[in-house]
Amino acid sequence: MDYPWPGNVRELENVIERTMVLTDRIEIHTDELPEEIRMGPDAHEPWPASSISLKANTMVLEKALIQRALQETNHNRTRAAKLLEISHPTLLSKMKAYRIS
């Protein structure tokens, strides 16, 4: 429901046909849909497409990676810092700067 369907009905028909071919079920479940449909059109691009500022995009990417590392480590900051290959104090500093709790 949240996907904008830029290809309109034709795109919807193609997704339904492709998904039905790949599943054994009578109904289509969300987990069977292509990732771009489930996650949205900008899921793989965490920065604004209109901005080419290296500084701004680096900050957005850095924040997203910190949040992902914290999520993957169940918010264990020491393990997240190791996963990110930065020191624990650096992680804490960046979390404060990006207002990540």
Protein backbone atom coordinates (compact mmCIF):
# COMPACT_ATOMS: atom_id res chain seq x y z
CA MET A 1 0.00 0.00 0.00
CA ASP A 2 2.89 2.41 0.72
CA TYR A 3 4.72 1.78 -2.55
CA PRO A 4 4.16 4.65 -5.05
CA TRP A 5 3.92 2.32 -8.11
CA PRO A 6 5.67 4.63 -10.58
CA GLY A 7 4.95 2.12 -13.37
CA ASN A 8 1.24 2.22 -12.51
CA VAL A 9 -0.95 -0.79 -13.35
CA ARG A 10 1.60 -2.35 -15.71
CA GLU A 11 4.21 -2.51 -12.94
CA LEU A 12 1.67 -3.91 -10.48
CA GLU A 13 0.61 -6.61 -12.97
CA ASN A 14 4.24 -7.61 -13.61
CA VAL A 15 5.01 -7.87 -9.90
CA ILE A 16 1.91 -9.98 -9.27
CA GLU A 17 2.65 -12.31 -12.20
CA ARG A 18 6.31 -12.74 -11.26
CA THR A 19 5.47 -13.35 -7.60
CA MET A 20 2.75 -15.89 -8.41
CA VAL A 21 5.18 -17.84 -10.60
CA LEU A 22 7.73 -17.98 -7.78
CA THR A 23 5.36 -19.03 -4.98
CA ASP A 24 3.36 -22.16 -4.24
CA ARG A 25 0.68 -20.29 -2.31
CA ILE A 26 -2.67 -19.02 -3.52
CA GLU A 27 -2.12 -15.66 -1.81
CA ILE A 28 0.85 -13.32 -2.11
CA HIS A 29 2.55 -12.51 1.18
CA THR A 30 4.64 -9.39 1.76
CA ASP A 31 7.86 -11.38 2.26
CA GLU A 32 7.48 -12.78 -1.28
CA LEU A 33 7.48 -9.37 -2.96
CA PRO A 34 10.68 -7.94 -4.47
CA GLU A 35 12.81 -6.02 -1.99
CA GLU A 36 12.35 -2.69 -3.80
CA ILE A 37 8.58 -3.03 -3.35
CA ARG A 38 8.82 -3.99 0.34
CA MET A 39 11.44 -1.36 1.21
CA GLY A 40 10.39 1.46 -1.11
CA PRO A 41 12.08 2.98 -4.14
CA ASP A 42 14.83 4.75 -2.18
CA ALA A 43 15.73 1.87 0.14
CA HIS A 44 19.23 1.44 -1.26
CA GLU A 45 20.02 5.13 -1.40
CA PRO A 46 20.19 6.53 2.16
CA TRP A 47 21.18 10.04 1.04
CA PRO A 48 19.14 12.65 -0.78
CA ALA A 49 19.60 12.27 -4.53
CA SER A 50 19.46 16.04 -5.06
CA SER A 51 22.53 16.66 -2.89
CA ILE A 52 26.06 15.95 -4.06
CA SER A 53 27.67 17.39 -0.94
CA LEU A 54 30.28 14.88 0.20
CA LYS A 55 30.13 16.22 3.76
CA ALA A 56 26.33 16.03 4.04
CA ASN A 57 26.11 12.58 2.46
CA THR A 58 28.97 11.25 4.58
CA MET A 59 27.12 12.33 7.71
CA VAL A 60 23.88 10.66 6.57
CA LEU A 61 25.68 7.44 5.67
CA GLU A 62 27.69 7.45 8.90
CA LYS A 63 24.55 7.90 11.00
CA ALA A 64 22.78 5.07 9.13
CA LEU A 65 25.74 2.72 9.62
CA ILE A 66 25.95 3.51 13.33
CA GLN A 67 22.23 2.84 13.75
CA ARG A 68 22.57 -0.43 11.83
CA ALA A 69 25.55 -1.56 13.91
CA LEU A 70 23.69 -0.76 17.12
CA GLN A 71 20.67 -2.68 15.90
CA GLU A 72 22.76 -5.70 14.88
CA THR A 73 24.52 -5.77 18.26
CA ASN A 74 21.33 -5.27 20.26
CA HIS A 75 22.60 -1.79 21.26
CA ASN A 76 25.87 -3.08 22.68
CA ARG A 77 28.05 -0.03 22.05
CA THR A 78 31.36 -1.82 22.56
CA ARG A 79 30.50 -4.49 19.99
CA ALA A 80 29.01 -1.87 17.64
CA ALA A 81 32.27 0.12 17.78
CA LYS A 82 34.24 -3.03 16.89
CA LEU A 83 31.84 -3.79 14.05
CA LEU A 84 32.27 -0.24 12.73
CA GLU A 85 36.05 -0.47 13.25
CA ILE A 86 36.17 2.69 15.38
CA SER A 87 37.02 3.24 19.02
CA HIS A 88 34.33 3.20 21.69
CA PRO A 89 34.91 6.90 22.58
CA THR A 90 34.60 7.81 18.89
CA LEU A 91 31.32 5.93 18.68
CA LEU A 92 29.99 7.72 21.76
CA SER A 93 31.03 11.07 20.31
CA LYS A 94 29.33 10.36 17.00
CA MET A 95 26.19 9.09 18.74
CA LYS A 96 26.03 12.35 20.66
CA ALA A 97 26.61 14.42 17.51
CA TYR A 98 23.90 12.54 15.59
CA ARG A 99 21.57 12.42 18.61
CA ILE A 100 21.44 8.62 18.62
CA SER A 101 20.43 7.11 21.95
